[in-house]
C-alpha cells in the first residue's frame, strides 16, 4: 500500500524532469547524438532519480541525499569536461539545470509535489527566455540596473524588518504600512518608466501618454509644455499626450485604493470611469485633429525609474499628510479632510490618496474618503492645466482647456450631486 501511495511523487519527479528536458532538448535539437550532456531523456531520469532519493531518505536516512548528490555531481563534472574538450563550450547552464532538477525531484519525493513542479516550470521558463533576457540586458543602462537593485532592497529586505504597530500622534504612523505604500508607489512608477522605454515614441501619443502617466504625468506636462513653445506645429500632439497622461492618474489612483482598501472601490468606480472617459475622449479628438502631424510621435521625458532618496522623501511626505489629515479630522471634522485633500492634491495625489484610504479602516467614513480622493485628483488636474497654460502659451491653452476643463467640470458635478 505504501508503494502505491508513493507513485504520485515519482510521477511528479518524472514530470518535472520532462518539463525542463523539453526545453533543453529543443535548445540543443541541432546537436549530433552523443554531443549533448543532458536532454529530453536524461532530465526526466535525473528528476526520477531525485524522487527515488527523496523516498529513500524518508525511509532510511537523510544521508542518502548528499551521497546521491555527490554521484550526480561527478557525472556532471565528467559531462562538462567532455563539452569543453569536444565542443569548446564553457557554459554550465545545462549542468546547473540538471543539478536543480535532481533537487526538485528530491523535493517531490518527500511529498512537496506542487512546489517541485512549480520550481521546474520556473526553471524551464528562465531557460527558455534566454534570448529575451539577453536582449533586455542590452537595453538596460547603469542607473536602471541600480534602480532595480534599490527597489529590491526596499521591498524584499527593508519592508519585512519594519514593525507593524502604530506610533506617533494618534498612532497613525505604522512603519510597515507606511513603507509598503512607498514600495507600491515606487513599483508603479518603475513599471511606467519601462513601459515607456518598451513602447517608444513610435507607438503613438495615446499609448505613450498612458505609460508616461504611470511614471510621472507632471513631468510629462512640464516637458511637453516647454516644447510646445518651440514646436508649435506639434502642439495638438503635445496637448493630447498631456491630457492622456493626466487621465492615467485616475485609474492609477483606483489601483492604489484597491491595493490598500478594496471596500472603498465601490464608490469610486463611477467617478473614476467618468473622469477617465472624458479625458480619453478629449485626447482622441486632439489626436484626430493632429492626424498626420509628425507621425503623431512624442518623446516623453525619461527620468530615473527609481531613486532611494525620492522614496525616502515620499515616505516623509506621506507621514506628514497622514498626521495632518488625522489632526484636521480631529479638530475640524469633514471640512478638515476636504481642506487637506485639496491642498495636498495641488502637489501630489498619491500621498493623500493612500492616507485617506488607510483612514477608512477605523477613523473615516468611506463616503468622505471617496470625495476627498476625487477632490485631490481634480486639484492636481487643475495644476497640470495651469502649468500647460502658463508654460505652453495661449495657443496651447486653447487645446488643453476644453479637454482638462471638461474633466474638472465632470468631477465637480459628481462631487455636488454624488
Protein backbone atom coordinates (compact mmCIF):
# COMPACT_ATOMS: atom_id res chain seq x y z
CA UNK A 1 0.00 0.00 0.00
CA UNK A 2 2.82 2.37 0.84
CA UNK A 3 4.36 1.78 -2.59
CA UNK A 4 1.12 2.79 -4.35
CA UNK A 5 0.93 6.00 -2.30
CA UNK A 6 4.43 6.89 -3.48
CA UNK A 7 3.61 6.64 -7.18
CA UNK A 8 2.27 10.22 -7.48
CA UNK A 9 5.52 11.51 -6.00
CA UNK A 10 7.60 9.60 -8.51
CA UNK A 11 5.29 10.71 -11.31
CA UNK A 12 5.76 14.34 -10.24
CA UNK A 13 9.54 13.89 -10.13
CA UNK A 14 9.49 12.40 -13.62
CA UNK A 15 7.16 15.13 -14.92
CA UNK A 16 9.32 17.98 -13.67
CA UNK A 17 12.29 16.41 -15.43
CA UNK A 18 10.26 16.22 -18.63
CA UNK A 19 9.35 19.92 -18.36
CA UNK A 20 12.97 21.05 -18.14
CA UNK A 21 14.15 18.32 -20.52
CA UNK A 22 11.82 19.50 -23.26
CA UNK A 23 13.30 22.98 -23.12
CA UNK A 24 16.90 21.74 -23.05
CA UNK A 25 16.24 19.18 -25.76
CA UNK A 26 14.65 21.78 -28.02
CA UNK A 27 17.50 24.21 -27.39
CA UNK A 28 20.08 21.56 -28.34
CA UNK A 29 17.98 19.87 -31.03
CA UNK A 30 20.57 20.52 -33.77
CA UNK A 31 23.38 18.80 -31.85
CA UNK A 32 24.50 15.36 -33.01
CA UNK A 33 23.66 12.27 -30.99
CA UNK A 34 26.09 11.97 -28.09
CA UNK A 35 27.14 15.62 -28.12
CA UNK A 36 24.60 16.71 -25.52
CA UNK A 37 25.35 16.38 -21.81
CA UNK A 38 21.65 16.09 -20.98
CA UNK A 39 18.45 16.41 -22.99
CA UNK A 40 14.86 15.31 -23.25
CA UNK A 41 15.59 11.79 -21.92
CA UNK A 42 18.31 12.50 -19.38
CA UNK A 43 16.47 15.22 -17.47
CA UNK A 44 13.40 13.05 -16.71
CA UNK A 45 15.76 10.32 -15.49
CA UNK A 46 17.56 12.81 -13.25
CA UNK A 47 14.22 14.02 -11.87
CA UNK A 48 13.09 10.43 -11.25
CA UNK A 49 16.40 9.67 -9.55
CA UNK A 50 15.79 12.65 -7.28
CA UNK A 51 12.32 11.36 -6.45
CA UNK A 52 13.68 7.92 -5.57
CA UNK A 53 16.38 9.56 -3.47
CA UNK A 54 13.74 11.54 -1.57
CA UNK A 55 11.76 8.37 -0.83
CA UNK A 56 14.88 6.54 0.31
CA UNK A 57 15.79 9.45 2.57
CA UNK A 58 12.37 9.28 4.22
CA UNK A 59 12.59 5.53 4.74
CA UNK A 60 16.24 5.14 5.73
CA UNK A 61 18.39 8.21 6.37
CA UNK A 62 18.85 11.81 5.23
CA UNK A 63 22.43 10.89 4.35
CA UNK A 64 21.10 9.29 1.17
CA UNK A 65 20.61 12.75 -0.34
CA UNK A 66 24.20 14.07 -0.08
CA UNK A 67 25.59 10.72 -1.26
CA UNK A 68 23.35 10.77 -4.33
CA UNK A 69 24.23 14.42 -4.93
CA UNK A 70 27.93 13.62 -4.94
CA UNK A 71 27.34 10.89 -7.51
CA UNK A 72 25.35 13.25 -9.72
CA UNK A 73 27.99 15.96 -9.39
CA UNK A 74 30.66 13.52 -10.51
CA UNK A 75 28.66 12.67 -13.63
CA UNK A 76 28.00 16.35 -14.36
CA UNK A 77 31.69 17.21 -13.99
CA UNK A 78 32.57 14.48 -16.49
CA UNK A 79 29.91 15.76 -18.87
CA UNK A 80 31.16 19.33 -18.55
CA UNK A 81 34.72 18.23 -19.21
CA UNK A 82 33.52 16.44 -22.34
CA UNK A 83 31.72 19.59 -23.54
CA UNK A 84 34.82 21.71 -23.04
CA UNK A 85 37.20 19.27 -24.75
CA UNK A 86 34.98 18.28 -27.69
CA UNK A 87 32.99 21.46 -28.35
CA UNK A 88 34.81 24.25 -26.53
CA UNK A 89 31.58 25.03 -24.66
CA UNK A 90 32.37 26.62 -21.29
CA UNK A 91 28.75 27.29 -20.33
CA UNK A 92 27.39 25.45 -17.30
CA UNK A 93 23.68 26.22 -17.71
CA UNK A 94 22.68 22.65 -18.58
CA UNK A 95 24.73 21.21 -15.71
CA UNK A 96 23.22 23.63 -13.20
CA UNK A 97 19.73 22.86 -14.55
CA UNK A 98 20.37 19.12 -14.11
CA UNK A 99 21.53 19.69 -10.53
CA UNK A 100 18.40 21.75 -9.81
CA UNK A 101 16.12 19.12 -11.40
CA UNK A 102 17.59 16.49 -9.11
CA UNK A 103 16.93 18.66 -6.04
CA UNK A 104 13.38 19.32 -7.21
CA UNK A 105 12.96 15.59 -7.70
CA UNK A 106 14.06 15.03 -4.10
CA UNK A 107 11.53 17.65 -3.04
CA UNK A 108 8.77 15.80 -4.93
CA UNK A 109 9.86 12.52 -3.38
CA UNK A 110 9.42 13.95 0.11
CA UNK A 111 5.85 15.00 -0.68
CA UNK A 112 6.23 18.63 -1.81
CA UNK A 113 4.96 17.86 -5.31
CA UNK A 114 3.28 21.18 -6.09
CA UNK A 115 6.32 23.17 -5.00
CA UNK A 116 8.62 20.93 -7.04
CA UNK A 117 6.51 21.15 -10.21
CA UNK A 118 6.26 24.94 -9.83
CA UNK A 119 10.03 25.12 -9.48
CA UNK A 120 10.53 23.12 -12.67
CA UNK A 121 8.15 25.36 -14.62
CA UNK A 122 10.00 28.47 -13.44
CA UNK A 123 13.31 26.83 -14.33
CA UNK A 124 12.13 25.96 -17.84
CA UNK A 125 10.78 29.49 -18.33
CA UNK A 126 14.05 31.03 -17.20
CA UNK A 127 15.98 28.79 -19.58
CA UNK A 128 13.58 29.39 -22.45
CA UNK A 129 13.63 33.16 -22.10
CA UNK A 130 17.38 33.36 -22.64
CA UNK A 131 17.19 35.46 -25.85
CA UNK A 132 14.67 37.85 -24.33
CA UNK A 133 16.67 38.21 -21.13
CA UNK A 134 19.89 38.88 -23.03
CA UNK A 135 18.10 41.43 -25.21
CA UNK A 136 16.69 43.08 -22.08
CA UNK A 137 20.18 43.40 -20.61
CA UNK A 138 21.35 45.26 -23.70
CA UNK A 139 18.55 47.81 -23.22
CA UNK A 140 19.09 48.45 -19.50
CA UNK A 141 21.58 51.15 -18.59
CA UNK A 142 23.56 51.52 -15.37
CA UNK A 143 21.11 53.78 -13.49
CA UNK A 144 18.23 51.45 -14.37
CA UNK A 145 20.12 48.44 -13.04
CA UNK A 146 20.81 50.32 -9.80
CA UNK A 147 17.13 51.22 -9.65
CA UNK A 148 16.17 47.54 -9.92
CA UNK A 149 18.53 46.65 -7.08
CA UNK A 150 17.30 49.53 -4.91
CA UNK A 151 13.66 48.61 -5.48
CA UNK A 152 14.50 45.04 -4.48
CA UNK A 153 16.24 46.38 -1.38
CA UNK A 154 13.27 48.40 -0.14
CA UNK A 155 10.72 45.67 -0.91
CA UNK A 156 12.47 42.40 -0.07
CA UNK A 157 14.96 43.48 2.62
CA UNK A 158 13.76 46.62 4.41
CA UNK A 159 9.99 46.04 4.35
CA UNK A 160 9.92 42.67 6.21
CA UNK A 161 12.08 44.11 9.02
CA UNK A 162 9.79 47.02 9.90
CA UNK A 163 7.47 46.89 12.95
CA UNK A 164 3.73 46.72 12.30
CA UNK A 165 2.46 48.65 15.32
CA UNK A 166 1.35 52.28 15.21
CA UNK A 167 3.17 55.18 16.85
CA UNK A 168 3.20 58.96 16.82
CA UNK A 169 0.18 61.26 17.18
CA UNK A 170 -3.00 59.18 17.43
CA UNK A 171 -0.89 56.11 16.48
CA UNK A 172 -1.48 56.90 12.80
CA UNK A 173 2.07 56.03 11.71
CA UNK A 174 2.63 52.34 11.10
CA UNK A 175 6.19 51.80 9.77
CA UNK A 176 5.33 48.63 7.86
CA UNK A 177 2.19 50.04 6.22
CA UNK A 178 3.92 53.36 5.51
CA UNK A 179 6.83 51.67 3.75
CA UNK A 180 4.52 49.25 1.95
CA UNK A 181 2.81 52.24 0.37
CA UNK A 182 6.21 53.63 -0.63
CA UNK A 183 7.03 50.30 -2.29
CA UNK A 184 3.67 50.31 -4.08
CA UNK A 185 4.15 53.83 -5.47
CA UNK A 186 7.75 53.09 -6.46
CA UNK A 187 6.75 49.88 -8.24
CA UNK A 188 4.04 51.65 -10.27
CA UNK A 189 6.43 54.41 -11.32
CA UNK A 190 9.06 51.80 -12.09
CA UNK A 191 6.66 49.88 -14.32
CA UNK A 192 5.61 53.07 -16.06
CA UNK A 193 9.22 54.01 -16.81
CA UNK A 194 9.99 50.71 -18.51
CA UNK A 195 6.64 50.69 -20.29
CA UNK A 196 7.60 54.00 -21.90
CA UNK A 197 11.01 52.56 -22.81
CA UNK A 198 9.46 49.49 -24.41
CA UNK A 199 6.66 51.35 -26.18
CA UNK A 200 8.81 54.16 -27.53
CA UNK A 201 7.51 57.30 -29.22
CA UNK A 202 6.75 55.42 -32.42
CA UNK A 203 3.82 53.63 -30.75
CA UNK A 204 1.73 56.80 -30.76
CA UNK A 205 0.51 59.54 -28.49
CA UNK A 206 -2.21 57.64 -26.66
CA UNK A 207 -0.11 54.63 -25.65
CA UNK A 208 2.98 56.64 -24.76
CA UNK A 209 0.91 59.14 -22.79
CA UNK A 210 -0.74 56.33 -20.84
CA UNK A 211 2.58 54.78 -19.87
CA UNK A 212 4.20 58.15 -19.14
CA UNK A 213 1.28 58.93 -16.85
CA UNK A 214 2.15 55.90 -14.75
CA UNK A 215 5.68 57.21 -14.30
CA UNK A 216 5.01 60.94 -13.87
CA UNK A 217 2.24 62.88 -15.57
CA UNK A 218 3.51 66.13 -14.05
CA UNK A 219 6.98 65.65 -15.54
CA UNK A 220 5.44 64.96 -18.94
CA UNK A 221 3.28 68.08 -18.66
CA UNK A 222 6.26 70.30 -17.84
CA UNK A 223 8.44 68.86 -20.61
CA UNK A 224 5.87 68.98 -23.39
CA UNK A 225 4.57 72.40 -22.37
CA UNK A 226 8.07 73.80 -22.78
CA UNK A 227 8.48 72.01 -26.11
CA UNK A 228 5.15 73.41 -27.31
CA UNK A 229 6.55 76.94 -27.37
CA UNK A 230 9.30 75.93 -29.80
CA UNK A 231 7.39 73.39 -31.90
CA UNK A 232 4.02 74.98 -32.50
CA UNK A 233 3.11 72.56 -35.27
CA UNK A 234 3.20 69.72 -32.74
CA UNK A 235 1.04 71.45 -30.13
CA UNK A 236 -2.05 69.28 -30.83
CA UNK A 237 0.10 66.18 -30.34
CA UNK A 238 1.65 67.55 -27.15
CA UNK A 239 -1.74 68.55 -25.77
CA UNK A 240 -3.16 65.09 -26.48
CA UNK A 241 -0.21 63.48 -24.70
CA UNK A 242 -0.61 65.75 -21.65
CA UNK A 243 -4.33 65.03 -21.39
CA UNK A 244 -3.73 61.29 -21.83
CA UNK A 245 -1.03 61.22 -19.15
CA UNK A 246 -3.20 63.29 -16.79
CA UNK A 247 -6.10 60.91 -17.39
CA UNK A 248 -3.91 57.93 -16.48
CA UNK A 249 -3.76 59.36 -12.97
CA UNK A 250 -7.39 58.40 -12.29
CA UNK A 251 -7.15 54.61 -12.82
CA UNK A 252 -3.74 54.78 -11.14
CA UNK A 253 -5.42 56.17 -8.02
CA UNK A 254 -8.03 53.43 -8.28
CA UNK A 255 -5.22 50.88 -8.31
CA UNK A 256 -3.75 52.37 -5.13
CA UNK A 257 -7.11 52.34 -3.37
CA UNK A 258 -7.77 48.75 -4.39
CA UNK A 259 -4.38 47.64 -3.07
CA UNK A 260 -4.95 49.20 0.37
CA UNK A 261 -8.74 49.20 0.97
CA UNK A 262 -10.81 47.28 -1.61
CA UNK A 263 -14.05 48.16 0.21
CA UNK A 264 -13.56 51.77 -0.85
CA UNK A 265 -13.64 50.92 -4.56
CA UNK A 266 -17.42 50.61 -4.89
CA UNK A 267 -17.98 54.35 -4.58
CA UNK A 268 -15.10 55.27 -6.88
CA UNK A 269 -15.76 53.16 -9.96
CA UNK A 270 -18.34 55.56 -11.40
CA UNK A 271 -16.49 58.88 -10.91
CA UNK A 272 -13.14 57.43 -11.98
CA UNK A 273 -14.73 55.89 -15.08
CA UNK A 274 -16.42 59.23 -15.85
CA UNK A 275 -13.22 61.26 -15.49
CA UNK A 276 -11.16 58.72 -17.43
CA UNK A 277 -13.69 58.55 -20.27
CA UNK A 278 -13.83 62.35 -20.54
CA UNK A 279 -10.05 62.63 -20.65
CA UNK A 280 -9.55 59.87 -23.20
CA UNK A 281 -12.32 61.25 -25.40
CA UNK A 282 -10.64 64.67 -25.39
CA UNK A 283 -7.30 63.03 -26.23
CA UNK A 284 -8.80 61.09 -29.12
CA UNK A 285 -10.34 64.25 -30.55
CA UNK A 286 -6.98 66.04 -30.42
CA UNK A 287 -5.21 63.05 -31.95
CA UNK A 288 -7.76 63.00 -34.77
CA UNK A 289 -7.26 66.72 -35.36
CA UNK A 290 -3.48 66.20 -35.36
CA UNK A 291 -3.54 63.21 -37.72
CA UNK A 292 -0.51 63.17 -39.98
CA UNK A 293 1.45 65.70 -37.90
CA UNK A 294 5.00 64.32 -37.49
CA UNK A 295 3.60 60.81 -37.35
CA UNK A 296 1.96 61.66 -34.02
CA UNK A 297 5.22 60.73 -32.27
CA UNK A 298 6.36 62.20 -28.98
CA UNK A 299 9.45 61.75 -26.84
CA UNK A 300 8.37 61.54 -23.20
CA UNK A 301 10.80 62.70 -20.51
CA UNK A 302 12.92 59.81 -19.26
CA UNK A 303 13.71 60.27 -15.58
CA UNK A 304 15.35 57.70 -13.34
CA UNK A 305 12.90 54.82 -12.76
CA UNK A 306 13.59 54.80 -9.02
CA UNK A 307 15.79 56.65 -6.56
CA UNK A 308 16.13 55.77 -2.90
CA UNK A 309 16.22 59.44 -1.89
CA UNK A 310 12.95 60.02 -3.73
CA UNK A 311 11.38 57.07 -1.90
CA UNK A 312 12.52 58.49 1.44
CA UNK A 313 11.14 61.91 0.54
CA UNK A 314 7.79 60.36 -0.37
CA UNK A 315 7.77 58.45 2.93
CA UNK A 316 8.25 61.72 4.82
CA UNK A 317 5.54 63.43 2.75
CA UNK A 318 3.16 60.54 3.31
CA UNK A 319 3.80 60.61 7.07
CA UNK A 320 3.17 64.37 7.20
CA UNK A 321 -0.06 64.04 5.22
CA UNK A 322 -1.24 61.16 7.42
CA UNK A 323 -0.67 63.12 10.62
CA UNK A 324 -2.13 66.29 9.09
CA UNK A 325 -5.23 64.50 7.84
CA UNK A 326 -5.90 62.95 11.22
CA UNK A 327 -5.28 66.25 13.02
CA UNK A 328 -7.73 68.09 10.77
CA UNK A 329 -10.26 65.30 11.17
CA UNK A 330 -9.95 65.52 14.94
CA UNK A 331 -10.31 69.30 15.15
CA UNK A 332 -12.21 70.32 12.00
CA UNK A 333 -14.21 67.23 11.04
CA UNK A 334 -15.24 66.73 7.42
CA UNK A 335 -14.18 70.24 6.41
CA UNK A 336 -10.65 69.46 7.57
CA UNK A 337 -10.48 66.34 5.40
CA UNK A 338 -11.64 68.24 2.33
CA UNK A 339 -9.15 71.03 3.04
CA UNK A 340 -6.12 68.77 3.26
CA UNK A 341 -7.30 66.77 0.22
CA UNK A 342 -7.49 69.97 -1.81
CA UNK A 343 -4.15 71.33 -0.59
CA UNK A 344 -2.28 68.02 -0.87
CA UNK A 345 -3.68 67.35 -4.32
CA UNK A 346 -2.06 70.52 -5.62
CA UNK A 347 1.37 68.88 -5.36
CA UNK A 348 0.82 65.10 -5.13
CA UNK A 349 -2.23 62.84 -5.23
CA UNK A 350 -0.55 59.62 -4.12
CA UNK A 351 0.13 60.65 -0.53
CA UNK A 352 -3.37 61.94 0.19
CA UNK A 353 -4.98 59.01 -1.65
CA UNK A 354 -3.10 56.49 0.47
CA UNK A 355 -3.67 58.48 3.67
CA UNK A 356 -7.44 58.74 3.21
CA UNK A 357 -7.65 55.13 2.11
CA UNK A 358 -5.87 53.93 5.23
CA UNK A 359 -8.03 56.15 7.47
CA UNK A 360 -11.16 54.31 6.33
CA UNK A 361 -10.04 51.29 8.33
CA UNK A 362 -11.10 52.80 11.65
CA UNK A 363 -11.29 56.59 11.56
CA UNK A 364 -13.06 57.89 8.47
CA UNK A 365 -16.33 57.20 6.67
CA UNK A 366 -15.99 55.72 3.19
CA UNK A 367 -18.04 58.46 1.54
CA UNK A 368 -15.88 61.27 2.90
CA UNK A 369 -12.68 59.48 1.90
CA UNK A 370 -14.01 58.87 -1.60
CA UNK A 371 -14.94 62.52 -2.04
CA UNK A 372 -11.54 63.55 -0.70
CA UNK A 373 -9.77 61.35 -3.25
CA UNK A 374 -11.75 62.85 -6.15
CA UNK A 375 -11.18 66.37 -4.81
CA UNK A 376 -7.43 65.78 -4.69
CA UNK A 377 -7.49 64.41 -8.24
CA UNK A 378 -9.34 67.47 -9.51
CA UNK A 379 -6.93 69.82 -7.74
CA UNK A 380 -3.97 68.04 -9.31
CA UNK A 381 -5.61 68.14 -12.74
CA UNK A 382 -6.16 71.87 -12.34
CA UNK A 383 -2.46 72.31 -11.53
CA UNK A 384 -1.46 70.45 -14.71
CA UNK A 385 -3.87 72.60 -16.69
CA UNK A 386 -2.31 75.71 -15.16
CA UNK A 387 1.20 74.52 -15.94
CA UNK A 388 0.29 73.80 -19.54
CA UNK A 389 -1.39 77.19 -19.98
CA UNK A 390 1.34 79.25 -18.32
CA UNK A 391 4.32 77.43 -19.84
CA UNK A 392 2.85 76.41 -23.18
CA UNK A 393 1.31 79.75 -24.03
CA UNK A 394 -2.06 80.93 -25.34
CA UNK A 395 -2.35 78.54 -28.28
CA UNK A 396 -1.55 75.58 -26.03
CA UNK A 397 -4.14 76.83 -23.55
CA UNK A 398 -6.90 76.65 -26.17
CA UNK A 399 -6.05 72.99 -26.73
CA UNK A 400 -5.78 71.99 -23.08
CA UNK A 401 -8.70 73.96 -21.65
CA UNK A 402 -11.51 72.04 -23.40
CA UNK A 403 -10.08 68.61 -22.53
CA UNK A 404 -8.92 69.06 -18.94
CA UNK A 405 -11.64 71.64 -18.29
CA UNK A 406 -14.35 69.11 -19.13
CA UNK A 407 -12.68 66.58 -16.83
CA UNK A 408 -12.64 69.06 -13.94
CA UNK A 409 -16.27 70.09 -14.53
CA UNK A 410 -17.35 66.44 -14.64
CA UNK A 411 -15.59 65.82 -11.33
CA UNK A 412 -17.16 68.88 -9.71
CA UNK A 413 -20.58 67.76 -10.96
CA UNK A 414 -20.08 64.35 -9.33
CA UNK A 415 -18.97 65.94 -6.04
CA UNK A 416 -22.06 68.13 -5.95
CA UNK A 417 -24.60 65.50 -6.99
CA UNK A 418 -22.92 62.37 -5.65
